[in-house]
Each structure stands twice: as C-alpha cells, then as structure tokens.
Amino acid sequence: MTRTRRWLLHGAAVAVLAIVFAAYFNPHLLVELAGRAWACF
C-alpha cells in the first residue's frame, strides 16, 4: 500500500468519525439523513 493511499484511507476514516461525533451533538441531522434515505424508496 502506498503512502498516499494510506493517508487517504486515514483521512476518510477521520472524516467518518467526525460526522458521527457531530451527529451526537445535532440529533436532527441524523433524523434528516434517515428521512432522505427513506424518501429514496
């Protein structure tokens, strides 16, 4: 695995963790995302 690819994977993991952390501070965000996903069906 190249160094660039490893940095990209770590960056993506940190971004996902930051989004989950932010969702705990704003529960409305999680409800809105669930509503948008449900609207696709």
N, C-alpha and C. Protein backbone atom coordinates (compact mmCIF):
# COMPACT_ATOMS: atom_id res chain seq x y z
N MET A 1 0.85 -1.18 0.00
CA MET A 1 0.00 0.00 0.00
C MET A 1 0.90 1.24 0.00
N THR A 2 0.61 2.12 -0.91
CA THR A 2 1.45 3.31 -1.00
C THR A 2 1.13 4.28 0.13
N ARG A 3 2.05 5.18 0.32
CA ARG A 3 1.90 6.15 1.40
C ARG A 3 0.69 7.07 1.14
N THR A 4 0.48 7.47 -0.11
CA THR A 4 -0.65 8.35 -0.45
C THR A 4 -1.98 7.67 -0.18
N ARG A 5 -2.06 6.41 -0.59
CA ARG A 5 -3.31 5.66 -0.37
C ARG A 5 -3.59 5.50 1.13
N ARG A 6 -2.56 5.26 1.90
CA ARG A 6 -2.73 5.11 3.35
C ARG A 6 -3.24 6.42 3.96
N TRP A 7 -2.69 7.56 3.51
CA TRP A 7 -3.15 8.86 4.01
C TRP A 7 -4.60 9.10 3.64
N LEU A 8 -4.99 8.73 2.43
CA LEU A 8 -6.38 8.90 2.00
C LEU A 8 -7.33 8.05 2.83
N LEU A 9 -6.94 6.82 3.12
CA LEU A 9 -7.78 5.95 3.94
C LEU A 9 -7.91 6.47 5.37
N HIS A 10 -6.81 6.94 5.92
CA HIS A 10 -6.87 7.52 7.27
C HIS A 10 -7.73 8.79 7.28
N GLY A 11 -7.58 9.61 6.25
CA GLY A 11 -8.40 10.82 6.16
C GLY A 11 -9.88 10.51 6.06
N ALA A 12 -10.23 9.48 5.27
CA ALA A 12 -11.63 9.09 5.14
C ALA A 12 -12.17 8.57 6.47
N ALA A 13 -11.37 7.79 7.19
CA ALA A 13 -11.80 7.26 8.49
C ALA A 13 -12.01 8.39 9.49
N VAL A 14 -11.13 9.36 9.49
CA VAL A 14 -11.28 10.51 10.41
C VAL A 14 -12.52 11.32 10.04
N ALA A 15 -12.80 11.48 8.75
CA ALA A 15 -13.99 12.21 8.32
C ALA A 15 -15.26 11.50 8.78
N VAL A 16 -15.31 10.18 8.64
CA VAL A 16 -16.48 9.43 9.09
C VAL A 16 -16.66 9.56 10.59
N LEU A 17 -15.58 9.45 11.33
CA LEU A 17 -15.68 9.60 12.79
C LEU A 17 -16.13 11.00 13.18
N ALA A 18 -15.67 12.01 12.46
CA ALA A 18 -16.08 13.38 12.75
C ALA A 18 -17.58 13.57 12.48
N ILE A 19 -18.09 12.95 11.42
CA ILE A 19 -19.52 13.07 11.12
C ILE A 19 -20.34 12.38 12.20
N VAL A 20 -19.91 11.22 12.64
CA VAL A 20 -20.63 10.52 13.71
C VAL A 20 -20.59 11.33 15.00
N PHE A 21 -19.43 11.90 15.31
CA PHE A 21 -19.30 12.72 16.51
C PHE A 21 -20.21 13.94 16.43
N ALA A 22 -20.28 14.58 15.26
CA ALA A 22 -21.16 15.74 15.08
C ALA A 22 -22.63 15.35 15.18
N ALA A 23 -22.97 14.14 14.76
CA ALA A 23 -24.36 13.70 14.82
C ALA A 23 -24.85 13.59 16.27
N TYR A 24 -23.96 13.29 17.19
CA TYR A 24 -24.36 13.23 18.60
C TYR A 24 -24.71 14.61 19.14
N PHE A 25 -24.09 15.64 18.60
CA PHE A 25 -24.38 16.99 19.06
C PHE A 25 -25.60 17.59 18.36
N ASN A 26 -25.98 17.02 17.21
CA ASN A 26 -27.14 17.51 16.46
C ASN A 26 -27.99 16.32 16.03
N PRO A 27 -28.87 15.84 16.88
CA PRO A 27 -29.68 14.66 16.55
C PRO A 27 -30.58 14.90 15.34
N HIS A 28 -30.95 16.16 15.10
CA HIS A 28 -31.80 16.46 13.94
C HIS A 28 -31.12 16.06 12.64
N LEU A 29 -29.80 16.14 12.59
CA LEU A 29 -29.05 15.75 11.40
C LEU A 29 -29.28 14.28 11.08
N LEU A 30 -29.23 13.43 12.08
CA LEU A 30 -29.43 12.00 11.87
C LEU A 30 -30.85 11.72 11.40
N VAL A 31 -31.83 12.40 11.96
CA VAL A 31 -33.22 12.21 11.55
C VAL A 31 -33.42 12.67 10.11
N GLU A 32 -32.81 13.78 9.75
CA GLU A 32 -32.94 14.28 8.38
C GLU A 32 -32.28 13.33 7.37
N LEU A 33 -31.11 12.82 7.70
CA LEU A 33 -30.44 11.87 6.80
C LEU A 33 -31.27 10.58 6.65
N ALA A 34 -31.85 10.12 7.74
CA ALA A 34 -32.70 8.92 7.66
C ALA A 34 -33.93 9.20 6.80
N GLY A 35 -34.50 10.39 6.94
CA GLY A 35 -35.66 10.76 6.12
C GLY A 35 -35.31 10.83 4.64
N ARG A 36 -34.15 11.36 4.32
CA ARG A 36 -33.73 11.42 2.92
C ARG A 36 -33.49 10.04 2.35
N ALA A 37 -32.89 9.16 3.16
CA ALA A 37 -32.65 7.79 2.69
C ALA A 37 -33.99 7.07 2.49
N TRP A 38 -34.93 7.31 3.40
CA TRP A 38 -36.24 6.65 3.29
C TRP A 38 -36.99 7.16 2.07
N ALA A 39 -36.81 8.43 1.70
CA ALA A 39 -37.51 9.01 0.54
C ALA A 39 -37.05 8.37 -0.76
N CYS A 40 -35.87 7.76 -0.77
CA CYS A 40 -35.39 7.10 -1.98
C CYS A 40 -36.21 5.85 -2.30
N PHE A 41 -36.87 5.28 -1.31
CA PHE A 41 -37.64 4.06 -1.55
C PHE A 41 -39.06 4.44 -1.73
